Amino acid sequence: MKSVVAVEKREQWMRRFNLRALALTLILCVLVILPCGCASWWDYPGETAAEGKRRHKRVVQTNFEMMRADIDTVLLLDRPSNLTDKRLP
């Protein structure tokens, strides 16, 4: 026969688990469902679909260019090597 303390601890654990599952579900809904299903709330008024796609493509391209520049800076690829002062053929 289970003790009352063990049953109460299990019920308390289940309540915490249910709250964690609820919080995780809400976070997933915000991160996954809203961006996929509600695209019109971030569009600019008076903007056609083609203009929106061009704007999105330009923003993504600019972000990738900045990311590549940051990676080049970290890897020291953005400046010439000064290993020798002689010009090699």
N, C-alpha and C. Protein backbone atom coordinates (compact mmCIF):
# COMPACT_ATOMS: atom_id res chain seq x y z
N MET A 1 0.84 -1.18 0.00
CA MET A 1 0.00 0.00 0.00
C MET A 1 0.89 1.25 0.00
N LYS A 2 0.55 2.19 -0.87
CA LYS A 2 1.36 3.39 -0.99
C LYS A 2 1.07 4.35 0.16
N SER A 3 2.11 5.03 0.54
CA SER A 3 1.92 5.99 1.63
C SER A 3 1.30 7.27 1.07
N VAL A 4 0.72 8.02 1.96
CA VAL A 4 0.07 9.28 1.57
C VAL A 4 1.10 10.27 1.08
N VAL A 5 2.28 10.27 1.66
CA VAL A 5 3.33 11.20 1.27
C VAL A 5 3.78 10.92 -0.16
N ALA A 6 3.93 9.65 -0.52
CA ALA A 6 4.35 9.30 -1.87
C ALA A 6 3.30 9.72 -2.89
N VAL A 7 2.05 9.54 -2.55
CA VAL A 7 0.96 9.92 -3.47
C VAL A 7 0.94 11.43 -3.63
N GLU A 8 1.11 12.18 -2.54
CA GLU A 8 1.11 13.64 -2.63
C GLU A 8 2.30 14.15 -3.44
N LYS A 9 3.47 13.52 -3.27
CA LYS A 9 4.63 13.94 -4.04
C LYS A 9 4.42 13.67 -5.53
N ARG A 10 3.80 12.53 -5.84
CA ARG A 10 3.54 12.23 -7.25
C ARG A 10 2.55 13.22 -7.85
N GLU A 11 1.52 13.57 -7.11
CA GLU A 11 0.55 14.54 -7.61
C GLU A 11 1.19 15.91 -7.80
N GLN A 12 2.07 16.29 -6.88
CA GLN A 12 2.76 17.57 -6.99
C GLN A 12 3.68 17.56 -8.22
N TRP A 13 4.37 16.45 -8.45
CA TRP A 13 5.23 16.34 -9.61
C TRP A 13 4.42 16.43 -10.90
N MET A 14 3.25 15.79 -10.93
CA MET A 14 2.41 15.82 -12.12
C MET A 14 1.92 17.23 -12.41
N ARG A 15 1.59 17.99 -11.37
CA ARG A 15 1.16 19.37 -11.59
C ARG A 15 2.29 20.20 -12.19
N ARG A 16 3.52 20.03 -11.67
CA ARG A 16 4.66 20.76 -12.22
C ARG A 16 4.92 20.33 -13.66
N PHE A 17 4.81 19.02 -13.93
CA PHE A 17 5.01 18.53 -15.29
C PHE A 17 3.97 19.11 -16.23
N ASN A 18 2.72 19.17 -15.81
CA ASN A 18 1.67 19.73 -16.64
C ASN A 18 1.91 21.20 -16.92
N LEU A 19 2.40 21.96 -15.93
CA LEU A 19 2.69 23.37 -16.16
C LEU A 19 3.86 23.54 -17.13
N ARG A 20 4.87 22.68 -17.00
CA ARG A 20 6.00 22.75 -17.93
C ARG A 20 5.55 22.41 -19.35
N ALA A 21 4.71 21.40 -19.48
CA ALA A 21 4.22 21.02 -20.80
C ALA A 21 3.37 22.14 -21.40
N LEU A 22 2.56 22.79 -20.59
CA LEU A 22 1.75 23.91 -21.06
C LEU A 22 2.63 25.07 -21.51
N ALA A 23 3.65 25.40 -20.72
CA ALA A 23 4.55 26.48 -21.08
C ALA A 23 5.30 26.17 -22.37
N LEU A 24 5.77 24.94 -22.52
CA LEU A 24 6.47 24.54 -23.74
C LEU A 24 5.54 24.61 -24.94
N THR A 25 4.30 24.18 -24.78
CA THR A 25 3.33 24.24 -25.87
C THR A 25 3.07 25.68 -26.29
N LEU A 26 2.93 26.58 -25.33
CA LEU A 26 2.69 27.98 -25.66
C LEU A 26 3.89 28.59 -26.39
N ILE A 27 5.09 28.26 -25.95
CA ILE A 27 6.28 28.78 -26.61
C ILE A 27 6.36 28.26 -28.04
N LEU A 28 6.10 26.99 -28.24
CA LEU A 28 6.13 26.43 -29.59
C LEU A 28 5.08 27.06 -30.49
N CYS A 29 3.90 27.32 -29.94
CA CYS A 29 2.86 27.96 -30.72
C CYS A 29 3.29 29.36 -31.17
N VAL A 30 3.89 30.10 -30.27
CA VAL A 30 4.32 31.45 -30.61
C VAL A 30 5.43 31.41 -31.65
N LEU A 31 6.37 30.48 -31.52
CA LEU A 31 7.51 30.45 -32.42
C LEU A 31 7.23 29.77 -33.76
N VAL A 32 6.29 28.84 -33.81
CA VAL A 32 6.08 28.06 -35.03
C VAL A 32 4.78 28.45 -35.73
N ILE A 33 3.69 28.44 -35.04
CA ILE A 33 2.39 28.61 -35.69
C ILE A 33 2.13 30.05 -36.10
N LEU A 34 2.41 31.01 -35.24
CA LEU A 34 2.10 32.39 -35.58
C LEU A 34 2.88 32.90 -36.79
N PRO A 35 4.19 32.68 -36.88
CA PRO A 35 4.87 33.17 -38.08
C PRO A 35 4.41 32.49 -39.37
N CYS A 36 3.98 31.26 -39.29
CA CYS A 36 3.56 30.54 -40.50
C CYS A 36 2.15 30.91 -40.92
N GLY A 37 1.28 31.14 -39.98
CA GLY A 37 -0.12 31.32 -40.32
C GLY A 37 -0.59 32.75 -40.44
N CYS A 38 0.07 33.69 -39.79
CA CYS A 38 -0.40 35.07 -39.76
C CYS A 38 0.64 35.98 -40.39
N ALA A 39 0.75 35.93 -41.71
CA ALA A 39 1.78 36.71 -42.37
C ALA A 39 1.36 38.15 -42.62
N SER A 40 0.08 38.43 -42.57
CA SER A 40 -0.37 39.76 -42.97
C SER A 40 -0.14 40.82 -41.90
N TRP A 41 0.11 40.44 -40.66
CA TRP A 41 0.22 41.47 -39.61
C TRP A 41 1.56 42.18 -39.63
N TRP A 42 2.59 41.66 -40.33
CA TRP A 42 3.85 42.37 -40.38
C TRP A 42 4.11 43.00 -41.75
N ASP A 43 3.21 42.80 -42.70
CA ASP A 43 3.36 43.42 -44.01
C ASP A 43 3.09 44.91 -43.91
N TYR A 44 3.72 45.63 -44.81
CA TYR A 44 3.48 47.06 -44.85
C TYR A 44 2.20 47.34 -45.61
N PRO A 45 1.40 48.31 -45.18
CA PRO A 45 0.15 48.60 -45.90
C PRO A 45 0.46 49.19 -47.28
N GLY A 46 -0.30 48.78 -48.26
CA GLY A 46 -0.11 49.27 -49.61
C GLY A 46 1.01 48.58 -50.35
N GLU A 47 1.55 47.53 -49.81
CA GLU A 47 2.66 46.82 -50.44
C GLU A 47 2.12 45.57 -51.14
N THR A 48 2.52 45.40 -52.40
CA THR A 48 2.08 44.22 -53.13
C THR A 48 2.89 43.01 -52.69
N ALA A 49 2.45 41.84 -53.11
CA ALA A 49 3.16 40.61 -52.76
C ALA A 49 4.56 40.60 -53.37
N ALA A 50 4.69 41.09 -54.59
CA ALA A 50 6.01 41.11 -55.24
C ALA A 50 6.96 42.05 -54.50
N GLU A 51 6.46 43.21 -54.08
CA GLU A 51 7.29 44.15 -53.32
C GLU A 51 7.71 43.54 -51.99
N GLY A 52 6.80 42.83 -51.34
CA GLY A 52 7.13 42.19 -50.07
C GLY A 52 8.19 41.12 -50.25
N LYS A 53 8.09 40.34 -51.33
CA LYS A 53 9.11 39.32 -51.59
C LYS A 53 10.46 39.94 -51.88
N ARG A 54 10.47 41.06 -52.66
CA ARG A 54 11.73 41.74 -52.95
C ARG A 54 12.35 42.31 -51.67
N ARG A 55 11.53 42.88 -50.81
CA ARG A 55 12.02 43.43 -49.54
C ARG A 55 12.59 42.32 -48.68
N HIS A 56 11.86 41.21 -48.61
CA HIS A 56 12.33 40.08 -47.81
C HIS A 56 13.65 39.53 -48.37
N LYS A 57 13.75 39.40 -49.69
CA LYS A 57 14.97 38.89 -50.30
C LYS A 57 16.14 39.83 -50.04
N ARG A 58 15.90 41.14 -50.10
CA ARG A 58 16.95 42.12 -49.86
C ARG A 58 17.44 42.06 -48.42
N VAL A 59 16.51 41.92 -47.48
CA VAL A 59 16.88 41.84 -46.07
C VAL A 59 17.69 40.58 -45.79
N VAL A 60 17.26 39.44 -46.34
CA VAL A 60 17.99 38.19 -46.13
C VAL A 60 19.38 38.28 -46.75
N GLN A 61 19.48 38.86 -47.96
CA GLN A 61 20.77 38.99 -48.62
C GLN A 61 21.70 39.90 -47.81
N THR A 62 21.18 40.99 -47.30
CA THR A 62 21.99 41.90 -46.48
C THR A 62 22.45 41.21 -45.20
N ASN A 63 21.57 40.44 -44.58
CA ASN A 63 21.95 39.73 -43.35
C ASN A 63 23.06 38.71 -43.63
N PHE A 64 22.97 37.98 -44.75
CA PHE A 64 24.00 37.00 -45.08
C PHE A 64 25.33 37.69 -45.39
N GLU A 65 25.28 38.85 -46.07
CA GLU A 65 26.52 39.58 -46.35
C GLU A 65 27.18 40.03 -45.05
N MET A 66 26.39 40.53 -44.11
CA MET A 66 26.96 40.97 -42.83
C MET A 66 27.50 39.78 -42.04
N MET A 67 26.81 38.63 -42.12
CA MET A 67 27.28 37.45 -41.42
C MET A 67 28.60 36.96 -42.02
N ARG A 68 28.70 36.96 -43.35
CA ARG A 68 29.96 36.57 -43.99
C ARG A 68 31.09 37.51 -43.62
N ALA A 69 30.80 38.82 -43.55
CA ALA A 69 31.83 39.78 -43.16
C ALA A 69 32.28 39.54 -41.73
N ASP A 70 31.35 39.23 -40.83
CA ASP A 70 31.72 38.93 -39.45
C ASP A 70 32.57 37.67 -39.35
N ILE A 71 32.22 36.64 -40.11
CA ILE A 71 33.00 35.40 -40.10
C ILE A 71 34.39 35.65 -40.65
N ASP A 72 34.49 36.43 -41.73
CA ASP A 72 35.81 36.77 -42.27
C ASP A 72 36.65 37.53 -41.26
N THR A 73 36.03 38.41 -40.51
CA THR A 73 36.77 39.16 -39.49
C THR A 73 37.26 38.24 -38.39
N VAL A 74 36.43 37.33 -37.95
CA VAL A 74 36.83 36.40 -36.88
C VAL A 74 37.95 35.49 -37.34
N LEU A 75 37.88 35.02 -38.58
CA LEU A 75 38.90 34.11 -39.11
C LEU A 75 40.10 34.85 -39.71
N LEU A 76 40.11 36.17 -39.58
CA LEU A 76 41.18 37.03 -40.10
C LEU A 76 41.37 36.88 -41.61
N LEU A 77 40.29 36.71 -42.33
CA LEU A 77 40.35 36.60 -43.78
C LEU A 77 40.06 37.92 -44.48
N ASP A 78 39.79 38.96 -43.71
CA ASP A 78 39.40 40.24 -44.30
C ASP A 78 40.58 41.16 -44.58
N ARG A 79 41.79 40.74 -44.26
CA ARG A 79 42.97 41.58 -44.52
C ARG A 79 44.05 40.73 -45.19
N PRO A 80 44.91 41.38 -45.95
CA PRO A 80 45.95 40.61 -46.64
C PRO A 80 46.99 40.06 -45.66
N SER A 81 47.58 38.97 -46.06
CA SER A 81 48.63 38.37 -45.26
C SER A 81 49.92 39.14 -45.45
N ASN A 82 50.65 39.37 -44.38
CA ASN A 82 51.92 40.08 -44.44
C ASN A 82 53.08 39.13 -44.13
N LEU A 83 52.98 37.92 -44.64
CA LEU A 83 54.02 36.94 -44.38
C LEU A 83 55.30 37.25 -45.14
N THR A 84 55.19 37.85 -46.29
CA THR A 84 56.38 38.21 -47.06
C THR A 84 56.16 39.56 -47.72
N ASP A 85 57.24 40.30 -47.88
CA ASP A 85 57.11 41.58 -48.56
C ASP A 85 57.43 41.47 -50.05
N LYS A 86 57.84 40.30 -50.49
CA LYS A 86 58.14 40.05 -51.89
C LYS A 86 56.88 39.65 -52.64
N ARG A 87 56.74 40.12 -53.82
CA ARG A 87 55.59 39.75 -54.64
C ARG A 87 55.86 38.40 -55.31
N LEU A 88 54.95 37.50 -55.11
CA LEU A 88 55.11 36.16 -55.68
C LEU A 88 54.40 36.09 -57.03
N PRO A 89 55.00 35.35 -58.00
CA PRO A 89 54.36 35.28 -59.31
C PRO A 89 53.09 34.45 -59.30
